[in-house]
Amino acid sequence: ILSYKDDTLTYKDDTLSSKDDILRYKDHNLRYKNDTLSYKDGTLTDKDHTLTDKDHTLTDKDHTLSYKNGFLSYKDDTLTDKDDTLTDKDDTLSQKDDSLSYMDDTQLQG
């Protein structure tokens, strides 16, 4: 389970969401919920966890969410955000400004 305090980002059961189901990432609005991805500059629907956005090089394949120019990626329980130096490997999250927290299922549900 992933929680991002500033933009209220959560990850649970293959669902990535935030306030109003919108993940605000710099000047882009990203929404990923229930295998559906909506993008500010165009709406994409992801079924079977496979999609490609050639304009913004945003891809999601086999439960992998990545932003190919290196900004945001999620793969095998690893979340990486180069601009904000955000990394998550083996249930360990870190960020420069300490605005990121990691919770387990019990903490989030409770």
N, C-alpha and C. Protein backbone atom coordinates (compact mmCIF):
# COMPACT_ATOMS: atom_id res chain seq x y z
N ILE A 1 0.85 -1.19 0.00
CA ILE A 1 0.00 0.00 0.00
C ILE A 1 0.89 1.24 0.00
N LEU A 2 0.58 2.15 -0.90
CA LEU A 2 1.40 3.33 -1.09
C LEU A 2 0.57 4.57 -0.78
N SER A 3 1.12 5.47 0.00
CA SER A 3 0.41 6.70 0.32
C SER A 3 1.34 7.89 0.12
N TYR A 4 0.89 8.86 -0.63
CA TYR A 4 1.69 10.05 -0.91
C TYR A 4 0.96 11.25 -0.34
N LYS A 5 1.51 11.85 0.70
CA LYS A 5 0.77 12.83 1.48
C LYS A 5 0.34 14.05 0.67
N ASP A 6 1.26 14.64 -0.10
CA ASP A 6 0.97 15.89 -0.78
C ASP A 6 -0.24 15.79 -1.70
N ASP A 7 -0.24 14.78 -2.56
CA ASP A 7 -1.31 14.64 -3.52
C ASP A 7 -2.27 13.50 -3.16
N THR A 8 -2.10 12.94 -1.96
CA THR A 8 -2.96 11.87 -1.49
C THR A 8 -3.00 10.73 -2.50
N LEU A 9 -1.83 10.22 -2.81
CA LEU A 9 -1.71 9.08 -3.70
C LEU A 9 -1.75 7.79 -2.91
N THR A 10 -2.58 6.85 -3.35
CA THR A 10 -2.64 5.56 -2.70
C THR A 10 -2.54 4.45 -3.74
N TYR A 11 -1.97 3.34 -3.33
CA TYR A 11 -1.91 2.17 -4.21
C TYR A 11 -2.42 0.97 -3.44
N LYS A 12 -3.44 0.33 -3.94
CA LYS A 12 -4.01 -0.83 -3.27
C LYS A 12 -4.72 -1.71 -4.28
N ASP A 13 -4.44 -3.02 -4.21
CA ASP A 13 -5.14 -3.98 -5.06
C ASP A 13 -5.08 -3.55 -6.52
N ASP A 14 -3.88 -3.25 -7.02
CA ASP A 14 -3.69 -2.85 -8.41
C ASP A 14 -4.49 -1.60 -8.77
N THR A 15 -4.76 -0.77 -7.77
CA THR A 15 -5.49 0.47 -8.02
C THR A 15 -4.64 1.65 -7.57
N LEU A 16 -4.36 2.54 -8.48
CA LEU A 16 -3.60 3.75 -8.18
C LEU A 16 -4.56 4.92 -8.25
N SER A 17 -4.68 5.67 -7.14
CA SER A 17 -5.66 6.74 -7.12
C SER A 17 -5.22 7.86 -6.19
N SER A 18 -5.99 8.90 -6.16
CA SER A 18 -5.71 10.03 -5.28
C SER A 18 -7.01 10.76 -5.04
N LYS A 19 -6.95 11.97 -4.49
CA LYS A 19 -8.16 12.75 -4.31
C LYS A 19 -8.93 12.83 -5.63
N ASP A 20 -10.23 12.60 -5.58
CA ASP A 20 -11.07 12.66 -6.77
C ASP A 20 -10.54 11.74 -7.86
N ASP A 21 -9.79 10.69 -7.46
CA ASP A 21 -9.25 9.74 -8.42
C ASP A 21 -8.33 10.40 -9.43
N ILE A 22 -7.69 11.49 -9.06
CA ILE A 22 -6.75 12.17 -9.96
C ILE A 22 -5.40 12.26 -9.28
N LEU A 23 -4.40 11.71 -9.94
CA LEU A 23 -3.02 11.85 -9.47
C LEU A 23 -2.43 13.07 -10.16
N ARG A 24 -2.11 14.09 -9.39
CA ARG A 24 -1.56 15.29 -9.97
C ARG A 24 -0.05 15.19 -10.00
N TYR A 25 0.48 15.14 -11.18
CA TYR A 25 1.92 14.98 -11.37
C TYR A 25 2.44 16.15 -12.18
N LYS A 26 3.07 17.09 -11.52
CA LYS A 26 3.51 18.33 -12.14
C LYS A 26 2.32 18.97 -12.87
N ASP A 27 2.44 19.23 -14.19
CA ASP A 27 1.35 19.88 -14.91
C ASP A 27 0.48 18.86 -15.65
N HIS A 28 0.58 17.59 -15.24
CA HIS A 28 -0.24 16.56 -15.87
C HIS A 28 -1.21 15.97 -14.85
N ASN A 29 -2.38 15.60 -15.29
CA ASN A 29 -3.35 14.92 -14.43
C ASN A 29 -3.45 13.47 -14.86
N LEU A 30 -3.13 12.58 -13.92
CA LEU A 30 -3.14 11.16 -14.24
C LEU A 30 -4.11 10.44 -13.32
N ARG A 31 -4.94 9.59 -13.90
CA ARG A 31 -5.87 8.81 -13.10
C ARG A 31 -5.76 7.34 -13.51
N TYR A 32 -5.53 6.50 -12.51
CA TYR A 32 -5.44 5.06 -12.76
C TYR A 32 -6.26 4.36 -11.71
N LYS A 33 -7.41 3.82 -12.10
CA LYS A 33 -8.28 3.16 -11.15
C LYS A 33 -9.10 2.10 -11.87
N ASN A 34 -9.19 0.92 -11.24
CA ASN A 34 -9.98 -0.16 -11.83
C ASN A 34 -9.58 -0.43 -13.27
N ASP A 35 -8.27 -0.51 -13.50
CA ASP A 35 -7.71 -0.81 -14.82
C ASP A 35 -8.07 0.24 -15.85
N THR A 36 -8.39 1.45 -15.41
CA THR A 36 -8.70 2.54 -16.34
C THR A 36 -7.73 3.69 -16.11
N LEU A 37 -7.11 4.14 -17.18
CA LEU A 37 -6.18 5.25 -17.08
C LEU A 37 -6.70 6.42 -17.88
N SER A 38 -6.86 7.57 -17.22
CA SER A 38 -7.27 8.78 -17.90
C SER A 38 -6.12 9.77 -17.84
N TYR A 39 -5.87 10.44 -18.95
CA TYR A 39 -4.77 11.39 -19.00
C TYR A 39 -5.29 12.75 -19.41
N LYS A 40 -4.68 13.78 -18.88
CA LYS A 40 -5.17 15.14 -19.09
C LYS A 40 -5.27 15.49 -20.58
N ASP A 41 -4.22 15.17 -21.32
CA ASP A 41 -4.19 15.52 -22.74
C ASP A 41 -4.81 14.45 -23.62
N GLY A 42 -5.59 13.57 -23.05
CA GLY A 42 -6.23 12.49 -23.79
C GLY A 42 -6.64 11.39 -22.85
N THR A 43 -7.78 10.77 -23.12
CA THR A 43 -8.29 9.72 -22.24
C THR A 43 -7.92 8.36 -22.80
N LEU A 44 -7.31 7.55 -21.94
CA LEU A 44 -6.95 6.20 -22.33
C LEU A 44 -7.65 5.21 -21.41
N THR A 45 -8.11 4.11 -21.96
CA THR A 45 -8.71 3.06 -21.16
C THR A 45 -7.83 1.84 -21.20
N ASP A 46 -7.44 1.34 -20.03
CA ASP A 46 -6.56 0.20 -19.92
C ASP A 46 -7.34 -1.03 -19.53
N LYS A 47 -7.33 -2.04 -20.39
CA LYS A 47 -7.91 -3.34 -20.07
C LYS A 47 -6.82 -4.38 -20.25
N ASP A 48 -6.83 -5.38 -19.39
CA ASP A 48 -5.78 -6.40 -19.40
C ASP A 48 -4.42 -5.78 -19.08
N HIS A 49 -4.42 -4.64 -18.44
CA HIS A 49 -3.19 -4.00 -17.98
C HIS A 49 -2.21 -3.75 -19.11
N THR A 50 -2.70 -3.34 -20.28
CA THR A 50 -1.81 -3.01 -21.39
C THR A 50 -2.29 -1.74 -22.06
N LEU A 51 -1.49 -0.72 -22.03
CA LEU A 51 -1.82 0.49 -22.77
C LEU A 51 -0.55 1.25 -23.12
N THR A 52 -0.66 2.07 -24.14
CA THR A 52 0.47 2.90 -24.56
C THR A 52 -0.03 4.28 -24.94
N ASP A 53 0.64 5.30 -24.46
CA ASP A 53 0.34 6.67 -24.82
C ASP A 53 1.57 7.23 -25.52
N LYS A 54 1.58 7.20 -26.84
CA LYS A 54 2.79 7.57 -27.58
C LYS A 54 3.10 9.07 -27.47
N ASP A 55 2.08 9.88 -27.22
CA ASP A 55 2.33 11.32 -27.11
C ASP A 55 3.14 11.64 -25.87
N HIS A 56 2.80 11.01 -24.76
CA HIS A 56 3.50 11.28 -23.52
C HIS A 56 4.37 10.10 -23.08
N THR A 57 4.51 9.09 -23.97
CA THR A 57 5.31 7.90 -23.68
C THR A 57 4.98 7.32 -22.32
N LEU A 58 3.68 7.22 -22.04
CA LEU A 58 3.20 6.63 -20.80
C LEU A 58 2.69 5.23 -21.11
N THR A 59 3.21 4.22 -20.41
CA THR A 59 2.82 2.84 -20.70
C THR A 59 2.45 2.10 -19.42
N ASP A 60 1.59 1.13 -19.57
CA ASP A 60 1.24 0.24 -18.47
C ASP A 60 1.07 -1.16 -19.05
N LYS A 61 1.93 -2.06 -18.70
CA LYS A 61 1.90 -3.41 -19.25
C LYS A 61 2.25 -4.40 -18.17
N ASP A 62 1.41 -5.42 -18.01
CA ASP A 62 1.66 -6.45 -17.00
C ASP A 62 1.84 -5.82 -15.63
N HIS A 63 0.86 -5.01 -15.23
CA HIS A 63 0.87 -4.37 -13.91
C HIS A 63 2.07 -3.45 -13.74
N THR A 64 2.57 -2.87 -14.83
CA THR A 64 3.71 -1.96 -14.77
C THR A 64 3.27 -0.59 -15.27
N LEU A 65 3.40 0.41 -14.42
CA LEU A 65 3.09 1.77 -14.83
C LEU A 65 4.40 2.54 -14.92
N SER A 66 4.68 3.10 -16.09
CA SER A 66 5.95 3.80 -16.25
C SER A 66 5.77 5.04 -17.13
N TYR A 67 6.63 5.98 -16.89
CA TYR A 67 6.65 7.21 -17.67
C TYR A 67 8.03 7.24 -18.31
N LYS A 68 8.10 6.87 -19.59
CA LYS A 68 9.35 6.45 -20.19
C LYS A 68 10.45 7.52 -20.22
N ASN A 69 10.09 8.78 -20.06
CA ASN A 69 11.13 9.79 -20.02
C ASN A 69 11.81 9.86 -18.66
N GLY A 70 11.43 8.93 -17.77
CA GLY A 70 12.13 8.81 -16.50
C GLY A 70 11.47 9.50 -15.34
N PHE A 71 10.30 10.10 -15.54
CA PHE A 71 9.67 10.81 -14.44
C PHE A 71 9.03 9.87 -13.42
N LEU A 72 8.16 8.97 -13.86
CA LEU A 72 7.41 8.15 -12.93
C LEU A 72 7.35 6.72 -13.45
N SER A 73 7.63 5.77 -12.56
CA SER A 73 7.53 4.37 -12.96
C SER A 73 7.10 3.51 -11.79
N TYR A 74 6.36 2.45 -12.09
CA TYR A 74 5.95 1.51 -11.07
C TYR A 74 6.11 0.11 -11.64
N LYS A 75 6.91 -0.70 -10.98
CA LYS A 75 7.14 -2.06 -11.47
C LYS A 75 7.57 -2.95 -10.32
N ASP A 76 6.89 -4.09 -10.20
CA ASP A 76 7.27 -5.07 -9.19
C ASP A 76 7.41 -4.43 -7.82
N ASP A 77 6.37 -3.73 -7.37
CA ASP A 77 6.38 -3.06 -6.07
C ASP A 77 7.47 -2.01 -5.97
N THR A 78 7.88 -1.44 -7.10
CA THR A 78 8.89 -0.40 -7.08
C THR A 78 8.34 0.86 -7.75
N LEU A 79 8.27 1.94 -6.98
CA LEU A 79 7.82 3.22 -7.52
C LEU A 79 9.01 4.16 -7.59
N THR A 80 9.22 4.76 -8.75
CA THR A 80 10.37 5.63 -8.93
C THR A 80 9.93 6.94 -9.57
N ASP A 81 10.39 8.03 -9.01
CA ASP A 81 10.10 9.35 -9.54
C ASP A 81 11.41 10.14 -9.52
N LYS A 82 12.07 10.22 -10.67
CA LYS A 82 13.41 10.79 -10.70
C LYS A 82 13.43 12.26 -10.27
N ASP A 83 12.47 13.04 -10.73
CA ASP A 83 12.47 14.46 -10.41
C ASP A 83 12.41 14.70 -8.90
N ASP A 84 11.56 13.92 -8.23
CA ASP A 84 11.41 14.09 -6.79
C ASP A 84 12.27 13.13 -5.99
N THR A 85 13.13 12.38 -6.71
CA THR A 85 13.99 11.40 -6.06
C THR A 85 13.16 10.49 -5.16
N LEU A 86 12.10 9.97 -5.73
CA LEU A 86 11.18 9.10 -5.00
C LEU A 86 11.44 7.65 -5.41
N THR A 87 11.75 6.79 -4.44
CA THR A 87 12.01 5.40 -4.75
C THR A 87 11.29 4.49 -3.77
N ASP A 88 10.92 3.32 -4.25
CA ASP A 88 10.28 2.32 -3.40
C ASP A 88 10.78 0.95 -3.82
N LYS A 89 11.59 0.33 -3.01
CA LYS A 89 12.07 -1.01 -3.30
C LYS A 89 11.95 -1.85 -2.05
N ASP A 90 11.39 -3.07 -2.21
CA ASP A 90 11.25 -3.98 -1.07
C ASP A 90 10.54 -3.31 0.10
N ASP A 91 9.42 -2.65 -0.18
CA ASP A 91 8.60 -2.03 0.85
C ASP A 91 9.32 -0.91 1.59
N THR A 92 10.32 -0.31 0.95
CA THR A 92 11.04 0.80 1.57
C THR A 92 10.88 2.03 0.68
N LEU A 93 10.28 3.07 1.23
CA LEU A 93 10.05 4.29 0.47
C LEU A 93 10.89 5.43 1.03
N SER A 94 11.35 6.30 0.14
CA SER A 94 12.10 7.46 0.59
C SER A 94 11.86 8.62 -0.37
N GLN A 95 11.97 9.80 0.17
CA GLN A 95 11.86 10.99 -0.66
C GLN A 95 12.62 12.13 0.02
N LYS A 96 13.11 13.06 -0.79
CA LYS A 96 13.95 14.11 -0.26
C LYS A 96 13.27 14.89 0.85
N ASP A 97 12.01 15.28 0.63
CA ASP A 97 11.34 16.14 1.60
C ASP A 97 10.51 15.37 2.63
N ASP A 98 10.69 14.03 2.67
CA ASP A 98 10.01 13.21 3.68
C ASP A 98 8.49 13.34 3.62
N SER A 99 7.93 13.61 2.45
CA SER A 99 6.48 13.74 2.35
C SER A 99 5.83 12.44 1.91
N LEU A 100 6.59 11.35 1.93
CA LEU A 100 6.08 10.06 1.49
C LEU A 100 6.00 9.11 2.66
N SER A 101 4.92 8.34 2.73
CA SER A 101 4.79 7.35 3.78
C SER A 101 4.37 6.02 3.18
N TYR A 102 4.68 4.95 3.87
CA TYR A 102 4.33 3.61 3.41
C TYR A 102 3.52 2.92 4.48
N MET A 103 2.36 2.37 4.10
CA MET A 103 1.48 1.74 5.07
C MET A 103 1.13 0.34 4.61
N ASP A 104 0.85 -0.55 5.56
CA ASP A 104 0.39 -1.88 5.18
C ASP A 104 -1.13 -1.89 5.10
N ASP A 105 -1.69 -3.05 4.71
CA ASP A 105 -3.14 -3.13 4.52
C ASP A 105 -3.89 -2.76 5.79
N THR A 106 -3.42 -3.25 6.93
CA THR A 106 -4.12 -3.02 8.19
C THR A 106 -4.18 -1.53 8.52
N GLN A 107 -3.08 -0.85 8.32
CA GLN A 107 -3.04 0.57 8.66
C GLN A 107 -3.96 1.38 7.75
N LEU A 108 -3.98 1.02 6.46
CA LEU A 108 -4.79 1.79 5.53
C LEU A 108 -6.28 1.53 5.76
N GLN A 109 -6.63 0.27 5.96
CA GLN A 109 -8.03 -0.06 6.16
C GLN A 109 -8.54 0.45 7.50
N GLY A 110 -7.66 0.51 8.49
CA GLY A 110 -8.08 0.94 9.81
C GLY A 110 -8.18 2.44 9.90
